PDB file of N, CA and C in Angstrom:
ATOM      1  N   GLN A   1       5.005  76.398  62.462  1.00  0.00           N
ATOM      2  CA  GLN A   1       5.400  76.332  61.071  1.00  0.00           C
ATOM      3  C   GLN A   1       6.743  75.611  60.967  1.00  0.00           C
ATOM      4  N   VAL A   2       6.809  74.652  60.058  1.00  0.00           N
ATOM      5  CA  VAL A   2       8.038  73.915  59.825  1.00  0.00           C
ATOM      6  C   VAL A   2       8.940  74.735  58.916  1.00  0.00           C
ATOM      7  N   GLN A   3      10.180  74.910  59.331  1.00  0.00           N
ATOM      8  CA  GLN A   3      11.136  75.649  58.525  1.00  0.00           C
ATOM      9  C   GLN A   3      12.471  74.934  58.488  1.00  0.00           C
ATOM     10  N   LEU A   4      13.028  74.827  57.298  1.00  0.00           N
ATOM     11  CA  LEU A   4      14.387  74.357  57.086  1.00  0.00           C
ATOM     12  C   LEU A   4      15.080  75.440  56.272  1.00  0.00           C
ATOM     13  N   VAL A   5      16.097  76.054  56.832  1.00  0.00           N
ATOM     14  CA  VAL A   5      16.744  77.193  56.205  1.00  0.00           C
ATOM     15  C   VAL A   5      18.218  76.892  55.996  1.00  0.00           C
ATOM     16  N   GLU A   6      18.617  76.779  54.726  1.00  0.00           N
ATOM     17  CA  GLU A   6      20.006  76.506  54.378  1.00  0.00           C
ATOM     18  C   GLU A   6      20.804  77.804  54.295  1.00  0.00           C
ATOM     19  N   SER A   7      22.088  77.692  54.565  1.00  0.00           N
ATOM     20  CA  SER A   7      23.001  78.807  54.403  1.00  0.00           C
ATOM     21  C   SER A   7      24.393  78.267  54.123  1.00  0.00           C
ATOM     22  N   GLY A   8      25.281  79.138  53.676  1.00  0.00           N
ATOM     23  CA  GLY A   8      26.666  78.768  53.477  1.00  0.00           C
ATOM     24  C   GLY A   8      27.074  78.536  52.041  1.00  0.00           C
ATOM     25  N   GLY A   9      26.138  78.600  51.115  1.00  0.00           N
ATOM     26  CA  GLY A   9      26.482  78.436  49.720  1.00  0.00           C
ATOM     27  C   GLY A   9      27.217  79.646  49.179  1.00  0.00           C
ATOM     28  N   GLY A  10      27.742  79.498  47.970  1.00  0.00           N
ATOM     29  CA  GLY A  10      28.458  80.591  47.352  1.00  0.00           C
ATOM     30  C   GLY A  10      29.324  80.112  46.217  1.00  0.00           C
ATOM     31  N   LEU A  11      30.221  80.982  45.781  1.00  0.00           N
ATOM     32  CA  LEU A  11      31.148  80.702  44.693  1.00  0.00           C
ATOM     33  C   LEU A  11      32.496  80.305  45.267  1.00  0.00           C
ATOM     34  N   VAL A  12      33.031  79.192  44.786  1.00  0.00           N
ATOM     35  CA  VAL A  12      34.317  78.705  45.253  1.00  0.00           C
ATOM     36  C   VAL A  12      35.089  78.130  44.069  1.00  0.00           C
ATOM     37  N   GLN A  13      36.408  78.214  44.125  1.00  0.00           N
ATOM     38  CA  GLN A  13      37.246  77.658  43.066  1.00  0.00           C
ATOM     39  C   GLN A  13      37.382  76.152  43.214  1.00  0.00           C
ATOM     40  N   PRO A  14      37.629  75.450  42.109  1.00  0.00           N
ATOM     41  CA  PRO A  14      37.887  74.008  42.217  1.00  0.00           C
ATOM     42  C   PRO A  14      38.985  73.712  43.233  1.00  0.00           C
ATOM     43  N   GLY A  15      38.754  72.693  44.051  1.00  0.00           N
ATOM     44  CA  GLY A  15      39.679  72.344  45.110  1.00  0.00           C
ATOM     45  C   GLY A  15      39.393  73.023  46.432  1.00  0.00           C
ATOM     46  N   GLY A  16      38.497  73.984  46.433  1.00  0.00           N
ATOM     47  CA  GLY A  16      38.157  74.707  47.638  1.00  0.00           C
ATOM     48  C   GLY A  16      37.153  73.979  48.507  1.00  0.00           C
ATOM     49  N   SER A  17      36.749  74.640  49.589  1.00  0.00           N
ATOM     50  CA  SER A  17      35.842  74.048  50.566  1.00  0.00           C
ATOM     51  C   SER A  17      34.717  75.004  50.924  1.00  0.00           C
ATOM     52  N   LEU A  18      33.586  74.435  51.294  1.00  0.00           N
ATOM     53  CA  LEU A  18      32.453  75.169  51.832  1.00  0.00           C
ATOM     54  C   LEU A  18      31.795  74.320  52.905  1.00  0.00           C
ATOM     55  N   ARG A  19      31.167  74.980  53.868  1.00  0.00           N
ATOM     56  CA  ARG A  19      30.340  74.279  54.834  1.00  0.00           C
ATOM     57  C   ARG A  19      28.925  74.823  54.765  1.00  0.00           C
ATOM     58  N   LEU A  20      27.989  73.954  54.433  1.00  0.00           N
ATOM     59  CA  LEU A  20      26.583  74.310  54.410  1.00  0.00           C
ATOM     60  C   LEU A  20      25.960  74.030  55.770  1.00  0.00           C
ATOM     61  N   SER A  21      25.023  74.881  56.158  1.00  0.00           N
ATOM     62  CA  SER A  21      24.288  74.706  57.404  1.00  0.00           C
ATOM     63  C   SER A  21      22.798  74.696  57.116  1.00  0.00           C
ATOM     64  N   CYS A  22      22.057  73.981  57.936  1.00  0.00           N
ATOM     65  CA  CYS A  22      20.600  73.939  57.824  1.00  0.00           C
ATOM     66  C   CYS A  22      20.014  74.067  59.220  1.00  0.00           C
ATOM     67  N   ALA A  23      19.264  75.125  59.446  1.00  0.00           N
ATOM     68  CA  ALA A  23      18.592  75.355  60.716  1.00  0.00           C
ATOM     69  C   ALA A  23      17.153  74.873  60.607  1.00  0.00           C
ATOM     70  N   VAL A  24      16.743  74.021  61.526  1.00  0.00           N
ATOM     71  CA  VAL A  24      15.436  73.370  61.477  1.00  0.00           C
ATOM     72  C   VAL A  24      14.593  73.808  62.659  1.00  0.00           C
ATOM     73  N   SER A  25      13.325  74.105  62.401  1.00  0.00           N
ATOM     74  CA  SER A  25      12.391  74.451  63.463  1.00  0.00           C
ATOM     75  C   SER A  25      11.002  73.922  63.111  1.00  0.00           C
ATOM     76  N   GLY A  26      10.153  73.770  64.120  1.00  0.00           N
ATOM     77  CA  GLY A  26       8.782  73.353  63.902  1.00  0.00           C
ATOM     78  C   GLY A  26       8.547  71.855  63.928  1.00  0.00           C
ATOM     79  N   ILE A  27       9.589  71.056  64.107  1.00  0.00           N
ATOM     80  CA  ILE A  27       9.474  69.613  64.214  1.00  0.00           C
ATOM     81  C   ILE A  27      10.337  69.126  65.368  1.00  0.00           C
ATOM     82  N   THR A  28      10.070  67.901  65.798  1.00  0.00           N
ATOM     83  CA  THR A  28      10.947  67.280  66.781  1.00  0.00           C
ATOM     84  C   THR A  28      12.165  66.764  66.033  1.00  0.00           C
ATOM     85  N   PHE A  29      13.197  67.571  66.010  1.00  0.00           N
ATOM     86  CA  PHE A  29      14.350  67.352  65.142  1.00  0.00           C
ATOM     87  C   PHE A  29      14.975  65.978  65.341  1.00  0.00           C
ATOM     88  N   SER A  30      15.084  65.535  66.582  1.00  0.00           N
ATOM     89  CA  SER A  30      15.773  64.285  66.880  1.00  0.00           C
ATOM     90  C   SER A  30      15.017  63.041  66.413  1.00  0.00           C
ATOM     91  N   ARG A  31      13.787  63.184  65.945  1.00  0.00           N
ATOM     92  CA  ARG A  31      13.021  62.052  65.426  1.00  0.00           C
ATOM     93  C   ARG A  31      13.247  61.820  63.933  1.00  0.00           C
ATOM     94  N   TYR A  32      13.938  62.734  63.269  1.00  0.00           N
ATOM     95  CA  TYR A  32      14.058  62.681  61.817  1.00  0.00           C
ATOM     96  C   TYR A  32      15.473  62.361  61.362  1.00  0.00           C
ATOM     97  N   ASP A  33      15.557  61.495  60.355  1.00  0.00           N
ATOM     98  CA  ASP A  33      16.782  61.397  59.589  1.00  0.00           C
ATOM     99  C   ASP A  33      16.919  62.679  58.767  1.00  0.00           C
ATOM    100  N   MET A  34      18.143  63.126  58.571  1.00  0.00           N
ATOM    101  CA  MET A  34      18.385  64.339  57.804  1.00  0.00           C
ATOM    102  C   MET A  34      19.240  64.018  56.587  1.00  0.00           C
ATOM    103  N   SER A  35      18.948  64.706  55.493  1.00  0.00           N
ATOM    104  CA  SER A  35      19.668  64.468  54.252  1.00  0.00           C
ATOM    105  C   SER A  35      19.984  65.781  53.559  1.00  0.00           C
ATOM    106  N   TRP A  36      21.017  65.729  52.733  1.00  0.00           N
ATOM    107  CA  TRP A  36      21.300  66.789  51.771  1.00  0.00           C
ATOM    108  C   TRP A  36      21.095  66.223  50.371  1.00  0.00           C
ATOM    109  N   TYR A  37      20.337  66.949  49.569  1.00  0.00           N
ATOM    110  CA  TYR A  37      20.137  66.655  48.161  1.00  0.00           C
ATOM    111  C   TYR A  37      20.751  67.778  47.342  1.00  0.00           C
ATOM    112  N   ARG A  38      20.965  67.509  46.074  1.00  0.00           N
ATOM    113  CA  ARG A  38      21.393  68.569  45.170  1.00  0.00           C
ATOM    114  C   ARG A  38      20.759  68.374  43.802  1.00  0.00           C
ATOM    115  N   GLN A  39      20.636  69.482  43.096  1.00  0.00           N
ATOM    116  CA  GLN A  39      20.095  69.449  41.747  1.00  0.00           C
ATOM    117  C   GLN A  39      20.900  70.389  40.865  1.00  0.00           C
ATOM    118  N   ALA A  40      21.590  69.804  39.902  1.00  0.00           N
ATOM    119  CA  ALA A  40      22.347  70.565  38.928  1.00  0.00           C
ATOM    120  C   ALA A  40      21.434  70.945  37.767  1.00  0.00           C
ATOM    121  N   PRO A  41      21.816  71.966  36.988  1.00  0.00           N
ATOM    122  CA  PRO A  41      20.979  72.374  35.858  1.00  0.00           C
ATOM    123  C   PRO A  41      20.670  71.224  34.911  1.00  0.00           C
ATOM    124  N   GLU A  42      19.412  71.075  34.585  1.00  0.00           N
ATOM    125  CA  GLU A  42      18.923  70.067  33.642  1.00  0.00           C
ATOM    126  C   GLU A  42      19.217  68.631  34.077  1.00  0.00           C
ATOM    127  N   LYS A  43      19.403  68.435  35.364  1.00  0.00           N
ATOM    128  CA  LYS A  43      19.596  67.094  35.892  1.00  0.00           C
ATOM    129  C   LYS A  43      18.588  66.828  37.010  1.00  0.00           C
ATOM    130  N   ALA A  44      18.355  65.563  37.291  1.00  0.00           N
ATOM    131  CA  ALA A  44      17.434  65.176  38.343  1.00  0.00           C
ATOM    132  C   ALA A  44      18.033  65.450  39.715  1.00  0.00           C
ATOM    133  N   ARG A  45      17.173  65.709  40.673  1.00  0.00           N
ATOM    134  CA  ARG A  45      17.630  65.875  42.040  1.00  0.00           C
ATOM    135  C   ARG A  45      18.161  64.546  42.567  1.00  0.00           C
ATOM    136  N   GLU A  46      19.311  64.587  43.238  1.00  0.00           N
ATOM    137  CA  GLU A  46      19.898  63.383  43.776  1.00  0.00           C
ATOM    138  C   GLU A  46      20.238  63.561  45.243  1.00  0.00           C
ATOM    139  N   ILE A  47      20.155  62.479  45.985  1.00  0.00           N
ATOM    140  CA  ILE A  47      20.566  62.518  47.371  1.00  0.00           C
ATOM    141  C   ILE A  47      22.081  62.471  47.436  1.00  0.00           C
ATOM    142  N   VAL A  48      22.655  63.306  48.284  1.00  0.00           N
ATOM    143  CA  VAL A  48      24.093  63.420  48.429  1.00  0.00           C
ATOM    144  C   VAL A  48      24.581  62.730  49.691  1.00  0.00           C
ATOM    145  N   ALA A  49      23.912  62.983  50.803  1.00  0.00           N
ATOM    146  CA  ALA A  49      24.335  62.458  52.094  1.00  0.00           C
ATOM    147  C   ALA A  49      23.139  62.328  53.012  1.00  0.00           C
ATOM    148  N   GLN A  50      23.222  61.381  53.932  1.00  0.00           N
ATOM    149  CA  GLN A  50      22.145  61.148  54.884  1.00  0.00           C
ATOM    150  C   GLN A  50      22.743  60.793  56.233  1.00  0.00           C
ATOM    151  N   ILE A  51      22.079  61.244  57.291  1.00  0.00           N
ATOM    152  CA  ILE A  51      22.492  60.910  58.643  1.00  0.00           C
ATOM    153  C   ILE A  51      21.255  60.509  59.431  1.00  0.00           C
ATOM    154  N   THR A  52      21.381  59.474  60.246  1.00  0.00           N
ATOM    155  CA  THR A  52      20.255  58.980  61.019  1.00  0.00           C
ATOM    156  C   THR A  52      19.869  59.965  62.110  1.00  0.00           C
ATOM    157  N   SER A  53      18.689  59.736  62.698  1.00  0.00           N
ATOM    158  CA  SER A  53      18.120  60.691  63.642  1.00  0.00           C
ATOM    159  C   SER A  53      19.003  60.957  64.853  1.00  0.00           C
ATOM    160  N   ILE A  54      19.737  59.944  65.301  1.00  0.00           N
ATOM    161  CA  ILE A  54      20.626  60.136  66.443  1.00  0.00           C
ATOM    162  C   ILE A  54      22.078  60.292  66.022  1.00  0.00           C
ATOM    163  N   GLY A  55      22.328  60.306  64.734  1.00  0.00           N
ATOM    164  CA  GLY A  55      23.665  60.560  64.236  1.00  0.00           C
ATOM    165  C   GLY A  55      24.633  59.405  64.333  1.00  0.00           C
ATOM    166  N   ASP A  56      24.124  58.177  64.409  1.00  0.00           N
ATOM    167  CA  ASP A  56      24.995  57.022  64.573  1.00  0.00           C
ATOM    168  C   ASP A  56      25.391  56.351  63.262  1.00  0.00           C
ATOM    169  N   SER A  57      24.861  56.830  62.128  1.00  0.00           N
ATOM    170  CA  SER A  57      25.187  56.239  60.842  1.00  0.00           C
ATOM    171  C   SER A  57      25.032  57.286  59.751  1.00  0.00           C
ATOM    172  N   THR A  58      25.910  57.216  58.749  1.00  0.00           N
ATOM    173  CA  THR A  58      25.844  58.122  57.612  1.00  0.00           C
ATOM    174  C   THR A  58      25.980  57.347  56.317  1.00  0.00           C
ATOM    175  N   ASN A  59      25.452  57.922  55.234  1.00  0.00           N
ATOM    176  CA  ASN A  59      25.579  57.358  53.902  1.00  0.00           C
ATOM    177  C   ASN A  59      25.832  58.480  52.915  1.00  0.00           C
ATOM    178  N   TYR A  60      26.596  58.167  51.857  1.00  0.00           N
ATOM    179  CA  TYR A  60      26.965  59.155  50.857  1.00  0.00           C
ATOM    180  C   TYR A  60      26.847  58.566  49.462  1.00  0.00           C
ATOM    181  N   VAL A  61      26.502  59.416  48.513  1.00  0.00           N
ATOM    182  CA  VAL A  61      26.593  59.008  47.126  1.00  0.00           C
ATOM    183  C   VAL A  61      28.072  58.817  46.777  1.00  0.00           C
ATOM    184  N   ASN A  62      28.357  57.861  45.905  1.00  0.00           N
ATOM    185  CA  ASN A  62      29.742  57.505  45.627  1.00  0.00           C
ATOM    186  C   ASN A  62      30.593  58.693  45.168  1.00  0.00           C
ATOM    187  N   SER A  63      30.010  59.606  44.434  1.00  0.00           N
ATOM    188  CA  SER A  63      30.766  60.707  43.864  1.00  0.00           C
ATOM    189  C   SER A  63      31.308  61.691  44.896  1.00  0.00           C
ATOM    190  N   VAL A  64      30.800  61.658  46.128  1.00  0.00           N
ATOM    191  CA  VAL A  64      31.274  62.590  47.153  1.00  0.00           C
ATOM    192  C   VAL A  64      31.964  61.895  48.311  1.00  0.00           C
ATOM    193  N   LYS A  65      32.031  60.580  48.304  1.00  0.00           N
ATOM    194  CA  LYS A  65      32.676  59.855  49.393  1.00  0.00           C
ATOM    195  C   LYS A  65      34.128  60.285  49.537  1.00  0.00           C
ATOM    196  N   GLY A  66      34.525  60.548  50.770  1.00  0.00           N
ATOM    197  CA  GLY A  66      35.871  60.993  51.050  1.00  0.00           C
ATOM    198  C   GLY A  66      36.058  62.485  50.938  1.00  0.00           C
ATOM    199  N   ARG A  67      35.078  63.201  50.377  1.00  0.00           N
ATOM    200  CA  ARG A  67      35.174  64.648  50.212  1.00  0.00           C
ATOM    201  C   ARG A  67      34.149  65.403  51.059  1.00  0.00           C
ATOM    202  N   PHE A  68      32.954  64.837  51.216  1.00  0.00           N
ATOM    203  CA  PHE A  68      31.875  65.490  51.956  1.00  0.00           C
ATOM    204  C   PHE A  68      31.639  64.771  53.276  1.00  0.00           C
ATOM    205  N   THR A  69      31.233  65.532  54.295  1.00  0.00           N
ATOM    206  CA  THR A  69      30.892  64.967  55.591  1.00  0.00           C
ATOM    207  C   THR A  69      29.607  65.600  56.100  1.00  0.00           C
ATOM    208  N   ILE A  70      28.606  64.777  56.395  1.00  0.00           N
ATOM    209  CA  ILE A  70      27.370  65.259  56.990  1.00  0.00           C
ATOM    210  C   ILE A  70      27.446  65.072  58.500  1.00  0.00           C
ATOM    211  N   SER A  71      26.918  66.028  59.242  1.00  0.00           N
ATOM    212  CA  SER A  71      26.886  65.943  60.695  1.00  0.00           C
ATOM    213  C   SER A  71      25.655  66.668  61.214  1.00  0.00           C
ATOM    214  N   ARG A  72      25.333  66.443  62.480  1.00  0.00           N
ATOM    215  CA  ARG A  72      24.181  67.122  63.069  1.00  0.00           C
ATOM    216  C   ARG A  72      24.429  67.413  64.535  1.00  0.00           C
ATOM    217  N   ASP A  73      23.713  68.408  65.034  1.00  0.00           N
ATOM    218  CA  ASP A  73      23.760  68.780  66.434  1.00  0.00           C
ATOM    219  C   ASP A  73      22.316  68.843  66.909  1.00  0.00           C
ATOM    220  N   ASN A  74      21.861  67.788  67.571  1.00  0.00           N
ATOM    221  CA  ASN A  74      20.458  67.718  67.975  1.00  0.00           C
ATOM    222  C   ASN A  74      20.100  68.722  69.067  1.00  0.00           C
ATOM    223  N   ALA A  75      21.082  69.191  69.816  1.00  0.00           N
ATOM    224  CA  ALA A  75      20.829  70.205  70.825  1.00  0.00           C
ATOM    225  C   ALA A  75      20.548  71.568  70.211  1.00  0.00           C
ATOM    226  N   LYS A  76      21.037  71.787  68.981  1.00  0.00           N
ATOM    227  CA  LYS A  76      20.859  73.061  68.297  1.00  0.00           C
ATOM    228  C   LYS A  76      19.914  72.985  67.103  1.00  0.00           C
ATOM    229  N   ASN A  77      19.373  71.799  66.814  1.00  0.00           N
ATOM    230  CA  ASN A  77      18.518  71.592  65.640  1.00  0.00           C
ATOM    231  C   ASN A  77      19.218  72.045  64.360  1.00  0.00           C
ATOM    232  N   MET A  78      20.457  71.588  64.199  1.00  0.00           N
ATOM    233  CA  MET A  78      21.265  71.975  63.056  1.00  0.00           C
ATOM    234  C   MET A  78      21.831  70.742  62.365  1.00  0.00           C
ATOM    235  N   VAL A  79      21.925  70.817  61.052  1.00  0.00           N
ATOM    236  CA  VAL A  79      22.607  69.801  60.259  1.00  0.00           C
ATOM    237  C   VAL A  79      23.582  70.516  59.339  1.00  0.00           C
ATOM    238  N   TYR A  80      24.722  69.869  59.072  1.00  0.00           N
ATOM    239  CA  TYR A  80      25.794  70.498  58.320  1.00  0.00           C
ATOM    240  C   TYR A  80      26.258  69.583  57.203  1.00  0.00           C
ATOM    241  N   LEU A  81      26.836  70.195  56.183  1.00  0.00           N
ATOM    242  CA  LEU A  81      27.514  69.452  55.130  1.00  0.00           C
ATOM    243  C   LEU A  81      28.844  70.130  54.857  1.00  0.00           C
ATOM    244  N   GLN A  82      29.915  69.497  55.296  1.00  0.00           N
ATOM    245  CA  GLN A  82      31.259  69.983  55.014  1.00  0.00           C
ATOM    246  C   GLN A  82      31.692  69.443  53.665  1.00  0.00           C
ATOM    247  N   MET A  83      32.040  70.321  52.749  1.00  0.00           N
ATOM    248  CA  MET A  83      32.402  69.946  51.394  1.00  0.00           C
ATOM    249  C   MET A  83      33.837  70.368  51.132  1.00  0.00           C
ATOM    250  N   ASN A  84      34.696  69.396  50.891  1.00  0.00           N
ATOM    251  CA  ASN A  84      36.105  69.639  50.599  1.00  0.00           C
ATOM    252  C   ASN A  84      36.436  69.170  49.191  1.00  0.00           C
ATOM    253  N   SER A  85      37.559  69.637  48.684  1.00  0.00           N
ATOM    254  CA  SER A  85      38.039  69.235  47.353  1.00  0.00           C
ATOM    255  C   SER A  85      36.941  69.362  46.306  1.00  0.00           C
ATOM    256  N   LEU A  86      36.297  70.495  46.289  1.00  0.00           N
ATOM    257  CA  LEU A  86      35.147  70.692  45.414  1.00  0.00           C
ATOM    258  C   LEU A  86      35.538  70.654  43.944  1.00  0.00           C
ATOM    259  N   LYS A  87      34.646  70.090  43.146  1.00  0.00           N
ATOM    260  CA  LYS A  87      34.823  69.954  41.716  1.00  0.00           C
ATOM    261  C   LYS A  87      33.740  70.740  40.991  1.00  0.00           C
ATOM    262  N   THR A  88      33.989  71.066  39.735  1.00  0.00           N
ATOM    263  CA  THR A  88      32.996  71.805  38.966  1.00  0.00           C
ATOM    264  C   THR A  88      31.677  71.050  38.886  1.00  0.00           C
ATOM    265  N   GLU A  89      31.734  69.730  38.853  1.00  0.00           N
ATOM    266  CA  GLU A  89      30.516  68.943  38.772  1.00  0.00           C
ATOM    267  C   GLU A  89      29.703  68.935  40.067  1.00  0.00           C
ATOM    268  N   ASP A  90      30.242  69.521  41.135  1.00  0.00           N
ATOM    269  CA  ASP A  90      29.478  69.692  42.368  1.00  0.00           C
ATOM    270  C   ASP A  90      28.550  70.900  42.307  1.00  0.00           C
ATOM    271  N   THR A  91      28.665  71.698  41.268  1.00  0.00           N
ATOM    272  CA  THR A  91      27.812  72.874  41.127  1.00  0.00           C
ATOM    273  C   THR A  91      26.344  72.458  41.077  1.00  0.00           C
ATOM    274  N   ALA A  92      25.548  73.019  41.972  1.00  0.00           N
ATOM    275  CA  ALA A  92      24.141  72.654  42.069  1.00  0.00           C
ATOM    276  C   ALA A  92      23.481  73.505  43.141  1.00  0.00           C
ATOM    277  N   VAL A  93      22.160  73.427  43.193  1.00  0.00           N
ATOM    278  CA  VAL A  93      21.428  73.924  44.345  1.00  0.00           C
ATOM    279  C   VAL A  93      21.348  72.790  45.351  1.00  0.00           C
ATOM    280  N   TYR A  94      21.747  73.064  46.568  1.00  0.00           N
ATOM    281  CA  TYR A  94      21.770  72.061  47.623  1.00  0.00           C
ATOM    282  C   TYR A  94      20.588  72.278  48.564  1.00  0.00           C
ATOM    283  N   TYR A  95      19.857  71.192  48.830  1.00  0.00           N
ATOM    284  CA  TYR A  95      18.645  71.240  49.634  1.00  0.00           C
ATOM    285  C   TYR A  95      18.787  70.391  50.888  1.00  0.00           C
ATOM    286  N   CYS A  96      18.311  70.928  51.983  1.00  0.00           N
ATOM    287  CA  CYS A  96      18.229  70.210  53.241  1.00  0.00           C
ATOM    288  C   CYS A  96      16.877  69.511  53.321  1.00  0.00           C
ATOM    289  N   ASN A  97      16.858  68.277  53.828  1.00  0.00           N
ATOM    290  CA  ASN A  97      15.617  67.522  53.921  1.00  0.00           C
ATOM    291  C   ASN A  97      15.515  66.787  55.243  1.00  0.00           C
ATOM    292  N   ALA A  98      14.316  66.785  55.818  1.00  0.00           N
ATOM    293  CA  ALA A  98      14.003  65.988  56.995  1.00  0.00           C
ATOM    294  C   ALA A  98      13.056  64.877  56.594  1.00  0.00           C
ATOM    295  N   GLY A  99      13.375  63.641  56.959  1.00  0.00           N
ATOM    296  CA  GLY A  99      12.548  62.521  56.574  1.00  0.00           C
ATOM    297  C   GLY A  99      12.720  61.341  57.498  1.00  0.00           C
ATOM    298  N   VAL A 100      12.114  60.228  57.090  1.00  0.00           N
ATOM    299  CA  VAL A 100      12.224  58.975  57.825  1.00  0.00           C
ATOM    300  C   VAL A 100      12.657  57.907  56.837  1.00  0.00           C
ATOM    301  N   GLY A 101      13.842  57.382  57.021  1.00  0.00           N
ATOM    302  CA  GLY A 101      14.368  56.412  56.085  1.00  0.00           C
ATOM    303  C   GLY A 101      14.450  56.989  54.689  1.00  0.00           C
ATOM    304  N   ALA A 102      13.814  56.319  53.728  1.00  0.00           N
ATOM    305  CA  ALA A 102      13.836  56.745  52.335  1.00  0.00           C
ATOM    306  C   ALA A 102      12.709  57.713  51.985  1.00  0.00           C
ATOM    307  N   THR A 103      11.908  58.108  52.952  1.00  0.00           N
ATOM    308  CA  THR A 103      10.753  58.964  52.692  1.00  0.00           C
ATOM    309  C   THR A 103      11.031  60.404  53.108  1.00  0.00           C
ATOM    310  N   PRO A 104      11.159  61.319  52.146  1.00  0.00           N
ATOM    311  CA  PRO A 104      11.344  62.729  52.505  1.00  0.00           C
ATOM    312  C   PRO A 104      10.044  63.360  52.975  1.00  0.00           C
ATOM    313  N   HIS A 105      10.121  64.208  53.971  1.00  0.00           N
ATOM    314  CA  HIS A 105       8.940  64.882  54.504  1.00  0.00           C
ATOM    315  C   HIS A 105       8.972  66.390  54.319  1.00  0.00           C
ATOM    316  N   TYR A 106      10.077  67.029  54.662  1.00  0.00           N
ATOM    317  CA  TYR A 106      10.168  68.477  54.612  1.00  0.00           C
ATOM    318  C   TYR A 106      11.425  68.904  53.871  1.00  0.00           C
ATOM    319  N   TRP A 107      11.282  69.991  53.098  1.00  0.00           N
ATOM    320  CA  TRP A 107      12.372  70.516  52.283  1.00  0.00           C
ATOM    321  C   TRP A 107      12.697  71.951  52.633  1.00  0.00           C
ATOM    322  N   GLY A 108      13.981  72.269  52.589  1.00  0.00           N
ATOM    323  CA  GLY A 108      14.394  73.654  52.587  1.00  0.00           C
ATOM    324  C   GLY A 108      14.270  74.227  51.188  1.00  0.00           C
ATOM    325  N   ARG A 109      14.526  75.516  51.059  1.00  0.00           N
ATOM    326  CA  ARG A 109      14.403  76.172  49.754  1.00  0.00           C
ATOM    327  C   ARG A 109      15.675  76.109  48.938  1.00  0.00           C
ATOM    328  N   GLY A 110      16.763  75.700  49.518  1.00  0.00           N
ATOM    329  CA  GLY A 110      17.999  75.482  48.791  1.00  0.00           C
ATOM    330  C   GLY A 110      18.989  76.621  48.898  1.00  0.00           C
ATOM    331  N   THR A 111      20.247  76.283  48.668  1.00  0.00           N
ATOM    332  CA  THR A 111      21.314  77.264  48.608  1.00  0.00           C
ATOM    333  C   THR A 111      22.229  76.910  47.439  1.00  0.00           C
ATOM    334  N   GLN A 112      22.618  77.921  46.676  1.00  0.00           N
ATOM    335  CA  GLN A 112      23.404  77.704  45.466  1.00  0.00           C
ATOM    336  C   GLN A 112      24.879  77.510  45.801  1.00  0.00           C
ATOM    337  N   VAL A 113      25.457  76.461  45.243  1.00  0.00           N
ATOM    338  CA  VAL A 113      26.894  76.223  45.303  1.00  0.00           C
ATOM    339  C   VAL A 113      27.424  76.233  43.879  1.00  0.00           C
ATOM    340  N   THR A 114      28.359  77.124  43.612  1.00  0.00           N
ATOM    341  CA  THR A 114      28.955  77.218  42.289  1.00  0.00           C
ATOM    342  C   THR A 114      30.455  77.024  42.407  1.00  0.00           C
ATOM    343  N   VAL A 115      30.978  76.024  41.709  1.00  0.00           N
ATOM    344  CA  VAL A 115      32.408  75.724  41.707  1.00  0.00           C
ATOM    345  C   VAL A 115      32.940  76.087  40.333  1.00  0.00           C
ATOM    346  N   SER A 116      33.733  77.136  40.277  1.00  0.00           N
ATOM    347  CA  SER A 116      34.192  77.656  39.001  1.00  0.00           C
ATOM    348  C   SER A 116      35.437  78.499  39.202  1.00  0.00           C
ATOM    349  N   SER A 117      36.259  78.558  38.155  1.00  0.00           N
ATOM    350  CA  SER A 117      37.421  79.428  38.156  1.00  0.00           C
ATOM    351  C   SER A 117      37.070  80.845  37.727  1.00  0.00           C
TER     352      SER A 117
END
């Protein structure tokens, strides 16, 4: 069974930090590009960050560049999203995804991130 399980979400004040984790099982992890998506209330799901299967390249949506960092540990089948300098507009459900290039294949169930005073 393929499983992607996110953790690390929660409530944080503006300017604070969180680190999201995604534990992956049931697939050959090192063959997949990994991404983080998010979906805010009444907005479309958007890709936030992506890392290649061997971790040699990353991409970010412009709104999080310089604040978020995606990383992976292929020995542990884990992917992470370090989020710094959080803003209220970062509030969303964050989803872990395994895919190939621009094609998503597997989704986690999401973890809520709320940035509020």
